[in-house]
N, C-alpha and C. Protein backbone atom coordinates (compact mmCIF):
# COMPACT_ATOMS: atom_id res chain seq x y z
N UNK A 1 -40.93 -34.01 -139.10
CA UNK A 1 -41.28 -33.50 -137.78
C UNK A 1 -42.24 -34.67 -137.12
N UNK A 2 -41.91 -34.80 -135.71
CA UNK A 2 -42.77 -35.63 -134.98
C UNK A 2 -44.06 -35.05 -134.64
N UNK A 3 -45.14 -35.87 -134.45
CA UNK A 3 -46.36 -35.29 -133.92
C UNK A 3 -46.11 -34.89 -132.48
N UNK A 4 -46.93 -33.82 -132.09
CA UNK A 4 -46.73 -33.32 -130.74
C UNK A 4 -47.15 -34.42 -129.62
N UNK A 5 -46.36 -34.38 -128.56
CA UNK A 5 -46.89 -35.13 -127.37
C UNK A 5 -48.02 -34.41 -126.68
N UNK A 6 -48.05 -33.07 -126.79
CA UNK A 6 -48.90 -32.22 -126.08
C UNK A 6 -49.22 -31.06 -126.88
N UNK A 7 -50.52 -30.64 -127.07
CA UNK A 7 -50.88 -29.49 -127.76
C UNK A 7 -52.01 -28.74 -127.00
N UNK A 8 -51.73 -27.37 -126.75
CA UNK A 8 -52.63 -26.58 -126.09
C UNK A 8 -53.03 -25.48 -127.07
N UNK A 9 -54.35 -25.25 -127.09
CA UNK A 9 -55.01 -24.41 -128.05
C UNK A 9 -55.95 -23.47 -127.39
N UNK A 10 -55.65 -22.25 -127.05
CA UNK A 10 -56.46 -21.33 -126.36
C UNK A 10 -56.80 -21.81 -124.99
N UNK A 11 -55.91 -22.48 -124.26
CA UNK A 11 -56.08 -23.08 -123.01
C UNK A 11 -56.23 -22.00 -121.86
N UNK A 12 -57.28 -22.13 -121.03
CA UNK A 12 -57.52 -21.34 -119.98
C UNK A 12 -57.77 -22.34 -118.73
N UNK A 13 -56.79 -22.26 -117.83
CA UNK A 13 -56.98 -23.18 -116.69
C UNK A 13 -56.85 -22.51 -115.30
N UNK A 14 -57.12 -23.15 -114.21
CA UNK A 14 -57.12 -22.78 -112.89
C UNK A 14 -57.76 -23.75 -111.97
N UNK A 15 -58.38 -23.15 -110.85
CA UNK A 15 -58.96 -24.15 -109.98
C UNK A 15 -60.47 -23.75 -109.75
N UNK A 16 -60.89 -22.84 -108.89
CA UNK A 16 -62.27 -22.50 -108.79
C UNK A 16 -62.56 -21.43 -109.81
N UNK A 17 -61.48 -20.66 -110.25
CA UNK A 17 -61.56 -19.64 -111.29
C UNK A 17 -60.34 -19.68 -112.20
N UNK A 18 -60.42 -19.19 -113.37
CA UNK A 18 -59.09 -19.19 -114.16
C UNK A 18 -57.86 -18.55 -113.53
N UNK A 19 -56.79 -19.03 -113.72
CA UNK A 19 -55.48 -18.52 -113.26
C UNK A 19 -54.64 -18.09 -114.41
N UNK A 20 -54.71 -18.82 -115.45
CA UNK A 20 -53.78 -18.61 -116.61
C UNK A 20 -54.48 -18.93 -117.98
N UNK A 21 -54.05 -18.00 -118.90
CA UNK A 21 -54.49 -18.35 -120.28
C UNK A 21 -55.19 -17.07 -120.78
N UNK A 22 -55.63 -17.19 -122.15
CA UNK A 22 -55.47 -18.37 -123.01
C UNK A 22 -53.92 -18.49 -123.46
N UNK A 23 -53.65 -19.79 -123.56
CA UNK A 23 -52.31 -20.12 -124.06
C UNK A 23 -52.44 -21.08 -125.21
N UNK A 24 -51.53 -21.02 -126.22
CA UNK A 24 -51.45 -22.01 -127.33
C UNK A 24 -50.03 -22.37 -127.53
N UNK A 25 -49.72 -23.60 -127.50
CA UNK A 25 -48.40 -24.11 -127.74
C UNK A 25 -48.36 -25.56 -127.97
N UNK A 26 -47.25 -26.17 -128.45
CA UNK A 26 -47.13 -27.62 -128.45
C UNK A 26 -45.82 -27.90 -128.01
N UNK A 27 -45.63 -29.27 -127.67
CA UNK A 27 -44.42 -29.80 -127.22
C UNK A 27 -44.22 -31.08 -128.03
N UNK A 28 -43.11 -31.20 -128.72
CA UNK A 28 -42.73 -32.32 -129.55
C UNK A 28 -41.71 -33.21 -128.95
N UNK A 29 -41.50 -34.47 -129.28
CA UNK A 29 -40.44 -35.31 -128.80
C UNK A 29 -39.11 -34.68 -129.12
N UNK A 30 -38.29 -34.81 -128.10
CA UNK A 30 -36.88 -34.41 -128.19
C UNK A 30 -36.60 -32.95 -127.70
N UNK A 31 -37.76 -32.22 -127.38
CA UNK A 31 -37.61 -30.81 -127.07
C UNK A 31 -37.46 -30.62 -125.51
N UNK A 32 -36.73 -29.70 -125.13
CA UNK A 32 -36.78 -29.10 -123.85
C UNK A 32 -37.33 -27.74 -123.83
N UNK A 33 -38.52 -27.54 -123.29
CA UNK A 33 -39.31 -26.28 -123.48
C UNK A 33 -39.38 -25.67 -122.07
N UNK A 34 -39.06 -24.40 -121.95
CA UNK A 34 -39.11 -23.68 -120.82
C UNK A 34 -40.38 -22.76 -120.75
N UNK A 35 -40.99 -22.70 -119.57
CA UNK A 35 -42.13 -21.73 -119.28
C UNK A 35 -41.55 -20.64 -118.42
N UNK A 36 -41.45 -19.39 -118.81
CA UNK A 36 -40.79 -18.31 -117.99
C UNK A 36 -41.95 -17.30 -117.67
N UNK A 37 -41.85 -16.77 -116.46
CA UNK A 37 -42.72 -15.72 -116.05
C UNK A 37 -42.52 -15.43 -114.59
N UNK A 38 -43.14 -14.38 -114.08
CA UNK A 38 -43.06 -13.93 -112.73
C UNK A 38 -43.64 -14.97 -111.79
N UNK A 39 -43.15 -14.87 -110.58
CA UNK A 39 -43.92 -15.73 -109.50
C UNK A 39 -45.33 -15.35 -109.53
N UNK A 40 -46.25 -16.31 -109.44
CA UNK A 40 -47.67 -16.20 -109.37
C UNK A 40 -48.37 -16.00 -110.64
N UNK A 41 -47.73 -16.14 -111.84
CA UNK A 41 -48.36 -15.91 -113.07
C UNK A 41 -49.14 -17.16 -113.56
N UNK A 42 -48.95 -18.26 -112.93
CA UNK A 42 -49.78 -19.43 -113.34
C UNK A 42 -48.94 -20.59 -113.94
N UNK A 43 -47.59 -20.55 -113.93
CA UNK A 43 -46.78 -21.58 -114.57
C UNK A 43 -46.94 -22.89 -113.90
N UNK A 44 -47.03 -22.99 -112.55
CA UNK A 44 -47.26 -24.31 -111.88
C UNK A 44 -48.61 -24.79 -112.13
N UNK A 45 -49.64 -23.89 -112.19
CA UNK A 45 -50.96 -24.24 -112.50
C UNK A 45 -51.04 -24.85 -113.88
N UNK A 46 -50.32 -24.38 -114.77
CA UNK A 46 -50.30 -24.93 -116.16
C UNK A 46 -49.83 -26.30 -116.06
N UNK A 47 -48.73 -26.61 -115.36
CA UNK A 47 -48.24 -27.95 -115.14
C UNK A 47 -49.33 -28.84 -114.54
N UNK A 48 -49.90 -28.24 -113.58
CA UNK A 48 -50.97 -29.17 -112.84
C UNK A 48 -52.10 -29.49 -113.82
N UNK A 49 -52.50 -28.52 -114.77
CA UNK A 49 -53.51 -28.84 -115.78
C UNK A 49 -53.08 -30.08 -116.71
N UNK A 50 -51.77 -30.00 -117.03
CA UNK A 50 -51.19 -30.93 -117.94
C UNK A 50 -51.37 -32.27 -117.33
N UNK A 51 -51.09 -32.26 -115.99
CA UNK A 51 -51.23 -33.55 -115.07
C UNK A 51 -52.56 -33.87 -114.67
N UNK A 52 -53.70 -33.20 -115.23
CA UNK A 52 -55.00 -33.37 -114.83
C UNK A 52 -55.18 -33.10 -113.29
N UNK A 53 -54.55 -32.03 -112.80
CA UNK A 53 -54.73 -31.63 -111.40
C UNK A 53 -55.27 -30.30 -111.35
N UNK A 54 -55.63 -29.52 -112.36
CA UNK A 54 -56.32 -28.31 -112.41
C UNK A 54 -57.37 -28.34 -113.50
N UNK A 55 -58.37 -27.48 -113.25
CA UNK A 55 -59.48 -27.49 -114.24
C UNK A 55 -59.19 -26.63 -115.46
N UNK A 56 -59.80 -27.15 -116.58
CA UNK A 56 -59.65 -26.52 -117.83
C UNK A 56 -61.04 -25.71 -118.09
N UNK A 57 -60.87 -24.36 -118.12
CA UNK A 57 -62.17 -23.55 -118.34
C UNK A 57 -62.49 -23.32 -119.75
N UNK A 58 -61.43 -23.12 -120.50
CA UNK A 58 -61.67 -22.99 -122.00
C UNK A 58 -60.59 -23.47 -122.80
N UNK A 59 -60.79 -23.58 -124.16
CA UNK A 59 -59.72 -24.10 -124.96
C UNK A 59 -59.60 -25.62 -125.03
N UNK A 60 -58.55 -26.01 -125.47
CA UNK A 60 -58.28 -27.52 -125.69
C UNK A 60 -56.85 -27.79 -125.21
N UNK A 61 -56.87 -28.97 -124.60
CA UNK A 61 -55.44 -29.54 -124.14
C UNK A 61 -55.40 -30.96 -124.67
N UNK A 62 -54.71 -31.26 -125.66
CA UNK A 62 -54.67 -32.70 -126.15
C UNK A 62 -53.31 -33.34 -125.86
N UNK A 63 -53.32 -34.50 -125.31
CA UNK A 63 -52.13 -35.26 -125.11
C UNK A 63 -52.16 -36.44 -126.14
N UNK A 64 -50.95 -36.74 -126.50
CA UNK A 64 -50.84 -37.93 -127.49
C UNK A 64 -51.37 -39.16 -126.75
N UNK A 65 -52.20 -39.94 -127.58
CA UNK A 65 -52.74 -41.15 -126.93
C UNK A 65 -51.77 -41.98 -126.18
N UNK A 66 -51.86 -42.53 -125.02
CA UNK A 66 -51.01 -43.33 -124.34
C UNK A 66 -49.80 -42.52 -123.65
N UNK A 67 -49.84 -41.24 -123.71
CA UNK A 67 -48.81 -40.39 -123.17
C UNK A 67 -48.53 -40.76 -121.65
N UNK A 68 -47.31 -40.89 -121.30
CA UNK A 68 -46.96 -41.11 -119.84
C UNK A 68 -46.26 -39.77 -119.39
N UNK A 69 -46.58 -39.41 -118.24
CA UNK A 69 -46.05 -38.19 -117.61
C UNK A 69 -45.20 -38.58 -116.33
N UNK A 70 -44.22 -37.76 -116.17
CA UNK A 70 -43.61 -37.76 -114.83
C UNK A 70 -43.44 -36.37 -114.44
N UNK A 71 -43.73 -36.10 -113.13
CA UNK A 71 -43.73 -34.61 -112.67
C UNK A 71 -43.06 -34.57 -111.40
N UNK A 72 -42.14 -33.57 -111.37
CA UNK A 72 -41.52 -33.22 -110.09
C UNK A 72 -41.99 -31.84 -109.62
N UNK A 73 -42.51 -31.80 -108.50
CA UNK A 73 -43.13 -30.59 -107.94
C UNK A 73 -41.88 -29.67 -107.46
N UNK A 74 -42.20 -28.47 -107.14
CA UNK A 74 -41.20 -27.52 -106.62
C UNK A 74 -40.29 -28.09 -105.46
N UNK A 75 -40.83 -28.70 -104.45
CA UNK A 75 -39.94 -29.22 -103.48
C UNK A 75 -40.17 -30.77 -103.31
N UNK A 76 -39.09 -31.38 -103.98
CA UNK A 76 -39.27 -32.91 -103.75
C UNK A 76 -39.27 -33.36 -102.26
N UNK A 77 -39.89 -34.43 -101.92
CA UNK A 77 -40.11 -34.82 -100.64
C UNK A 77 -38.78 -35.40 -100.09
N UNK A 78 -38.37 -34.94 -98.96
CA UNK A 78 -37.16 -35.47 -98.29
C UNK A 78 -37.37 -35.48 -96.79
N UNK A 79 -37.49 -36.55 -96.13
CA UNK A 79 -37.61 -36.53 -94.75
C UNK A 79 -36.36 -36.30 -94.06
N UNK A 80 -36.54 -35.87 -92.69
CA UNK A 80 -35.25 -35.44 -92.02
C UNK A 80 -34.37 -36.60 -91.87
N UNK A 81 -34.93 -37.82 -91.70
CA UNK A 81 -34.09 -39.02 -91.66
C UNK A 81 -34.66 -39.94 -92.81
N UNK A 82 -33.70 -40.20 -93.73
CA UNK A 82 -34.05 -41.09 -94.91
C UNK A 82 -32.93 -42.16 -94.98
N UNK A 83 -33.11 -43.28 -94.38
CA UNK A 83 -32.02 -44.33 -94.46
C UNK A 83 -31.88 -45.00 -95.86
N UNK A 84 -32.03 -44.26 -96.90
CA UNK A 84 -31.84 -44.77 -98.24
C UNK A 84 -30.62 -44.10 -98.88
N UNK A 85 -29.75 -44.77 -99.67
CA UNK A 85 -28.80 -44.04 -100.21
C UNK A 85 -29.27 -43.63 -101.74
N UNK A 86 -28.38 -43.02 -102.49
CA UNK A 86 -28.76 -42.54 -103.83
C UNK A 86 -29.18 -43.69 -104.67
N UNK A 87 -28.55 -44.80 -104.68
CA UNK A 87 -28.91 -45.98 -105.49
C UNK A 87 -30.27 -46.41 -105.15
N UNK A 88 -30.61 -46.54 -103.85
CA UNK A 88 -31.88 -46.92 -103.47
C UNK A 88 -32.96 -45.99 -103.97
N UNK A 89 -32.72 -44.74 -103.77
CA UNK A 89 -33.68 -43.68 -104.31
C UNK A 89 -33.96 -43.72 -105.68
N UNK A 90 -32.83 -43.91 -106.57
CA UNK A 90 -33.10 -44.02 -107.93
C UNK A 90 -33.75 -45.41 -108.34
N UNK A 91 -33.52 -46.37 -107.57
CA UNK A 91 -34.20 -47.71 -107.88
C UNK A 91 -35.64 -47.55 -107.50
N UNK A 92 -35.95 -46.94 -106.41
CA UNK A 92 -37.37 -46.75 -106.01
C UNK A 92 -38.12 -45.93 -107.10
N UNK A 93 -37.46 -44.94 -107.64
CA UNK A 93 -38.06 -44.02 -108.64
C UNK A 93 -38.01 -44.62 -109.92
N UNK A 94 -37.44 -46.02 -110.12
CA UNK A 94 -37.37 -46.71 -111.41
C UNK A 94 -36.72 -45.81 -112.50
N UNK A 95 -35.58 -45.09 -112.03
CA UNK A 95 -34.76 -44.24 -112.81
C UNK A 95 -33.70 -45.17 -113.49
N UNK A 96 -34.01 -46.03 -114.37
CA UNK A 96 -32.98 -46.93 -114.92
C UNK A 96 -32.96 -46.84 -116.45
N UNK A 97 -33.40 -45.74 -116.96
CA UNK A 97 -33.38 -45.55 -118.47
C UNK A 97 -31.93 -45.39 -118.97
N UNK A 98 -31.05 -44.77 -118.15
CA UNK A 98 -29.60 -44.71 -118.43
C UNK A 98 -28.90 -44.47 -117.24
N UNK A 99 -27.50 -44.50 -117.34
CA UNK A 99 -26.69 -44.34 -116.17
C UNK A 99 -26.74 -42.88 -115.74
N UNK A 100 -26.81 -42.67 -114.39
CA UNK A 100 -26.73 -41.17 -114.02
C UNK A 100 -25.35 -40.53 -114.55
N UNK A 101 -25.63 -39.25 -114.66
CA UNK A 101 -24.29 -38.41 -115.17
C UNK A 101 -23.24 -38.63 -114.09
N UNK A 102 -21.88 -38.51 -114.66
CA UNK A 102 -20.73 -38.67 -113.86
C UNK A 102 -20.75 -37.82 -112.59
N UNK A 103 -21.24 -36.64 -112.68
CA UNK A 103 -21.25 -35.66 -111.69
C UNK A 103 -22.11 -36.07 -110.45
N UNK A 104 -23.14 -36.85 -110.75
CA UNK A 104 -24.05 -37.37 -109.56
C UNK A 104 -23.56 -38.61 -108.95
N UNK A 105 -22.77 -39.31 -109.60
CA UNK A 105 -22.37 -40.81 -109.13
C UNK A 105 -21.72 -40.75 -107.66
N UNK A 106 -20.94 -39.79 -107.36
CA UNK A 106 -20.33 -39.77 -106.08
C UNK A 106 -21.39 -39.80 -104.88
N UNK A 107 -22.59 -39.22 -105.13
CA UNK A 107 -23.71 -39.12 -104.24
C UNK A 107 -24.39 -40.29 -104.11
N UNK A 108 -24.31 -41.35 -104.97
CA UNK A 108 -25.14 -42.43 -104.96
C UNK A 108 -24.96 -43.55 -103.90
N UNK A 109 -23.78 -43.39 -103.22
CA UNK A 109 -23.44 -44.32 -102.11
C UNK A 109 -23.79 -43.64 -100.81
N UNK A 110 -24.04 -42.33 -100.87
CA UNK A 110 -24.37 -41.58 -99.67
C UNK A 110 -25.84 -41.71 -99.28
N UNK A 111 -26.20 -41.64 -97.94
CA UNK A 111 -27.55 -41.56 -97.56
C UNK A 111 -28.22 -40.26 -98.12
N UNK A 112 -29.45 -40.25 -98.40
CA UNK A 112 -30.14 -39.12 -98.84
C UNK A 112 -30.26 -38.02 -97.87
N UNK A 113 -30.34 -38.36 -96.57
CA UNK A 113 -30.39 -37.30 -95.56
C UNK A 113 -29.04 -36.66 -95.27
N UNK A 114 -27.98 -37.18 -95.91
CA UNK A 114 -26.64 -36.57 -95.69
C UNK A 114 -26.27 -35.65 -96.84
N UNK A 115 -27.18 -35.63 -97.96
CA UNK A 115 -26.79 -34.77 -99.03
C UNK A 115 -27.19 -33.28 -98.71
N UNK A 116 -26.56 -32.41 -99.39
CA UNK A 116 -26.96 -30.99 -99.30
C UNK A 116 -28.24 -30.80 -100.03
N UNK A 117 -28.83 -29.60 -99.76
CA UNK A 117 -30.22 -29.37 -100.58
C UNK A 117 -29.97 -29.38 -102.04
N UNK A 118 -28.84 -28.80 -102.54
CA UNK A 118 -28.65 -28.77 -103.95
C UNK A 118 -28.37 -30.20 -104.47
N UNK A 119 -27.55 -30.96 -103.76
CA UNK A 119 -27.22 -32.33 -104.18
C UNK A 119 -28.49 -33.10 -104.32
N UNK A 120 -29.39 -32.95 -103.21
CA UNK A 120 -30.61 -33.77 -103.21
C UNK A 120 -31.57 -33.33 -104.43
N UNK A 121 -31.52 -31.99 -104.70
CA UNK A 121 -32.31 -31.49 -105.78
C UNK A 121 -31.94 -32.09 -107.09
N UNK A 122 -30.74 -32.10 -107.31
CA UNK A 122 -30.15 -32.63 -108.62
C UNK A 122 -30.48 -34.08 -108.60
N UNK A 123 -30.25 -34.86 -107.64
CA UNK A 123 -30.63 -36.23 -107.65
C UNK A 123 -32.16 -36.56 -107.87
N UNK A 124 -32.96 -35.62 -107.25
CA UNK A 124 -34.40 -35.72 -107.35
C UNK A 124 -34.82 -35.56 -108.85
N UNK A 125 -34.15 -34.55 -109.51
CA UNK A 125 -34.44 -34.28 -110.91
C UNK A 125 -34.01 -35.41 -111.75
N UNK A 126 -32.77 -36.02 -111.47
CA UNK A 126 -32.37 -37.14 -112.17
C UNK A 126 -33.30 -38.37 -112.03
N UNK A 127 -33.89 -38.50 -110.81
CA UNK A 127 -34.74 -39.65 -110.51
C UNK A 127 -36.04 -39.47 -111.53
N UNK A 128 -36.38 -38.31 -111.93
CA UNK A 128 -37.41 -38.13 -112.88
C UNK A 128 -36.89 -38.30 -114.38
N UNK A 129 -35.72 -37.64 -114.56
CA UNK A 129 -35.19 -37.70 -116.03
C UNK A 129 -34.75 -39.12 -116.21
N UNK A 130 -34.30 -39.87 -115.30
CA UNK A 130 -33.81 -41.17 -115.54
C UNK A 130 -34.88 -42.27 -115.70
N UNK A 131 -36.12 -41.84 -115.62
CA UNK A 131 -37.39 -42.76 -115.83
C UNK A 131 -37.64 -42.83 -117.28
N UNK A 132 -38.87 -43.38 -117.52
CA UNK A 132 -39.33 -43.73 -118.91
C UNK A 132 -40.33 -42.93 -119.36
N UNK A 133 -40.87 -41.90 -118.64
CA UNK A 133 -41.98 -41.12 -119.22
C UNK A 133 -41.82 -40.47 -120.52
N UNK A 134 -42.89 -40.30 -121.36
CA UNK A 134 -42.73 -39.61 -122.59
C UNK A 134 -42.58 -38.03 -122.30
N UNK A 135 -43.21 -37.55 -121.35
CA UNK A 135 -43.18 -36.10 -121.05
C UNK A 135 -42.84 -35.84 -119.55
N UNK A 136 -41.75 -35.18 -119.33
CA UNK A 136 -41.32 -34.91 -118.01
C UNK A 136 -41.67 -33.43 -117.72
N UNK A 137 -42.29 -33.15 -116.58
CA UNK A 137 -42.71 -31.81 -116.13
C UNK A 137 -41.81 -31.54 -114.88
N UNK A 138 -41.06 -30.45 -115.01
CA UNK A 138 -40.16 -30.02 -113.88
C UNK A 138 -40.63 -28.66 -113.40
N UNK A 139 -40.97 -28.55 -112.12
CA UNK A 139 -41.47 -27.20 -111.62
C UNK A 139 -40.38 -26.68 -110.70
N UNK A 140 -39.80 -25.55 -111.23
CA UNK A 140 -38.69 -24.92 -110.51
C UNK A 140 -37.53 -25.77 -110.22
N UNK A 141 -37.02 -26.54 -111.11
CA UNK A 141 -35.87 -27.52 -110.73
C UNK A 141 -34.59 -26.89 -110.23
N UNK A 142 -34.58 -25.46 -110.29
CA UNK A 142 -33.30 -24.96 -109.82
C UNK A 142 -33.45 -24.53 -108.34
N UNK A 143 -34.51 -24.85 -107.67
CA UNK A 143 -34.57 -24.65 -106.21
C UNK A 143 -33.39 -25.23 -105.57
N UNK A 144 -32.75 -24.62 -104.55
CA UNK A 144 -31.75 -25.11 -103.78
C UNK A 144 -30.35 -25.25 -104.53
N UNK A 145 -30.44 -24.85 -105.77
CA UNK A 145 -29.13 -25.01 -106.59
C UNK A 145 -28.27 -23.77 -106.51
N UNK A 146 -27.00 -23.86 -106.35
CA UNK A 146 -26.16 -22.71 -106.52
C UNK A 146 -25.80 -22.79 -107.96
N UNK A 147 -25.03 -21.64 -108.45
CA UNK A 147 -24.66 -21.55 -109.86
C UNK A 147 -23.97 -22.67 -110.53
N UNK A 148 -23.24 -23.32 -109.74
CA UNK A 148 -22.53 -24.58 -110.38
C UNK A 148 -23.68 -25.72 -110.53
N UNK A 149 -24.51 -25.84 -109.51
CA UNK A 149 -25.61 -26.82 -109.66
C UNK A 149 -26.50 -26.56 -110.85
N UNK A 150 -26.84 -25.33 -111.18
CA UNK A 150 -27.58 -24.92 -112.32
C UNK A 150 -26.92 -25.29 -113.52
N UNK A 151 -25.64 -24.98 -113.66
CA UNK A 151 -24.85 -25.39 -114.83
C UNK A 151 -24.86 -26.90 -115.06
N UNK A 152 -24.77 -27.66 -114.01
CA UNK A 152 -24.82 -29.05 -114.07
C UNK A 152 -26.21 -29.54 -114.61
N UNK A 153 -27.18 -28.99 -114.07
CA UNK A 153 -28.72 -29.22 -114.48
C UNK A 153 -28.84 -28.83 -115.98
N UNK A 154 -28.36 -27.65 -116.33
CA UNK A 154 -28.57 -27.26 -117.77
C UNK A 154 -27.84 -28.20 -118.70
N UNK A 155 -26.65 -28.70 -118.31
CA UNK A 155 -25.92 -29.68 -119.08
C UNK A 155 -26.70 -30.94 -119.18
N UNK A 156 -27.31 -31.47 -118.13
CA UNK A 156 -28.14 -32.63 -118.06
C UNK A 156 -29.32 -32.54 -119.10
N UNK A 157 -29.94 -31.35 -119.09
CA UNK A 157 -31.16 -31.04 -119.70
C UNK A 157 -30.71 -30.97 -121.24
N UNK A 158 -29.71 -30.27 -121.63
CA UNK A 158 -29.13 -30.25 -122.85
C UNK A 158 -28.87 -31.60 -123.65
N UNK A 159 -28.60 -32.66 -122.71
CA UNK A 159 -28.48 -33.98 -123.31
C UNK A 159 -29.53 -34.63 -123.48
N UNK A 160 -30.75 -34.22 -123.20
CA UNK A 160 -32.24 -34.75 -123.32
C UNK A 160 -32.39 -34.62 -124.80
N UNK A 161 -32.46 -35.80 -125.52
CA UNK A 161 -32.83 -35.87 -126.91
C UNK A 161 -33.59 -37.20 -127.02
N UNK A 162 -34.15 -37.30 -128.23
CA UNK A 162 -34.90 -38.56 -128.51
C UNK A 162 -36.37 -38.44 -128.53
N UNK A 163 -37.13 -39.40 -128.07
CA UNK A 163 -38.40 -39.69 -128.11
C UNK A 163 -39.30 -38.93 -127.12
N UNK A 164 -38.66 -38.38 -126.12
CA UNK A 164 -39.58 -37.73 -124.98
C UNK A 164 -39.21 -36.19 -125.04
N UNK A 165 -39.96 -35.50 -124.21
CA UNK A 165 -39.74 -34.08 -124.06
C UNK A 165 -39.71 -33.73 -122.64
N UNK A 166 -39.25 -32.50 -122.35
CA UNK A 166 -39.14 -32.01 -121.09
C UNK A 166 -39.81 -30.58 -121.07
N UNK A 167 -40.75 -30.34 -120.11
CA UNK A 167 -41.46 -29.03 -119.97
C UNK A 167 -41.02 -28.58 -118.60
N UNK A 168 -40.33 -27.47 -118.53
CA UNK A 168 -39.91 -27.01 -117.26
C UNK A 168 -40.27 -25.56 -117.04
N UNK A 169 -40.51 -25.26 -115.58
CA UNK A 169 -41.06 -23.99 -115.21
C UNK A 169 -39.91 -23.32 -114.38
N UNK A 170 -39.72 -21.98 -114.71
CA UNK A 170 -38.77 -21.27 -113.90
C UNK A 170 -39.05 -19.76 -114.09
N UNK A 171 -38.68 -19.02 -113.11
CA UNK A 171 -38.70 -17.57 -113.20
C UNK A 171 -37.35 -17.04 -113.53
N UNK A 172 -36.36 -17.94 -113.69
CA UNK A 172 -34.88 -17.57 -114.00
C UNK A 172 -34.79 -17.67 -115.36
N UNK A 173 -34.93 -16.60 -116.15
CA UNK A 173 -34.61 -16.53 -117.69
C UNK A 173 -33.35 -17.11 -118.13
N UNK A 174 -32.35 -16.63 -117.49
CA UNK A 174 -30.91 -17.05 -117.83
C UNK A 174 -30.79 -18.56 -117.84
N UNK A 175 -31.32 -19.26 -116.81
CA UNK A 175 -31.18 -20.64 -116.74
C UNK A 175 -31.99 -21.27 -117.90
N UNK A 176 -33.16 -20.75 -118.27
CA UNK A 176 -33.94 -21.36 -119.27
C UNK A 176 -33.26 -21.20 -120.63
N UNK A 177 -32.69 -20.05 -120.78
CA UNK A 177 -31.93 -19.80 -122.08
C UNK A 177 -30.78 -20.78 -122.25
N UNK A 178 -30.18 -21.15 -121.09
CA UNK A 178 -28.99 -22.12 -121.15
C UNK A 178 -29.56 -23.63 -121.37
N UNK A 179 -30.77 -23.89 -120.81
CA UNK A 179 -31.05 -25.32 -120.68
C UNK A 179 -32.12 -25.80 -121.76
N UNK A 180 -32.76 -24.77 -122.28
CA UNK A 180 -34.02 -25.22 -123.13
C UNK A 180 -33.76 -24.94 -124.66
N UNK A 181 -34.47 -25.65 -125.46
CA UNK A 181 -34.49 -25.41 -126.87
C UNK A 181 -35.25 -24.15 -127.20
N UNK A 182 -36.28 -23.88 -126.44
CA UNK A 182 -37.19 -22.76 -126.71
C UNK A 182 -37.80 -22.32 -125.35
N UNK A 183 -38.18 -21.11 -125.22
CA UNK A 183 -38.82 -20.58 -124.06
C UNK A 183 -40.08 -19.99 -124.30
N UNK A 184 -41.20 -20.26 -123.62
CA UNK A 184 -42.45 -19.64 -123.80
C UNK A 184 -42.69 -18.64 -122.59
N UNK A 185 -42.99 -17.42 -122.91
CA UNK A 185 -43.14 -16.43 -121.89
C UNK A 185 -44.57 -16.42 -121.47
N UNK A 186 -44.85 -16.50 -120.26
CA UNK A 186 -46.11 -16.49 -119.58
C UNK A 186 -46.20 -15.14 -118.97
N UNK A 187 -47.16 -14.36 -119.40
CA UNK A 187 -47.49 -13.00 -118.99
C UNK A 187 -48.51 -12.98 -117.84
């Protein structure tokens, strides 16, 4: 078994006051781990703590030395007019770890501002997954996705194996069960 990329032990985190915790869990290379819970329970705050954007009040949060993170927030930035096509977008994001999935390839020649919300969401998630980070944090990656888009995303995530891990947040338990190796319930 590989050493954890991330280990939380009794972690309590928030901003001016605690929002979530105590939590204990670890994430090892090759895993896709889901964080499930109701809106407002602190799932996004936990991701922010992992990315050093929220305060740790108690417990311990250890990252593997040299760990690199990639983080997609709930709403990826898309301007009303974006004169970039999908190839440009992925090149800018340095998403060159592997070839994009077949389902996304037809969108690569199109301008970003001409894609539907769901198409852009999938491309934005791939821009993170196609990069070289050791740990990928995805916050509500199913936003703007219809059921077919959710299936495509679950398929992409199921193909994530190897040396890195994905930690994703959702309040959609069904999606997490499809896409993740394990799910951590946040109460």
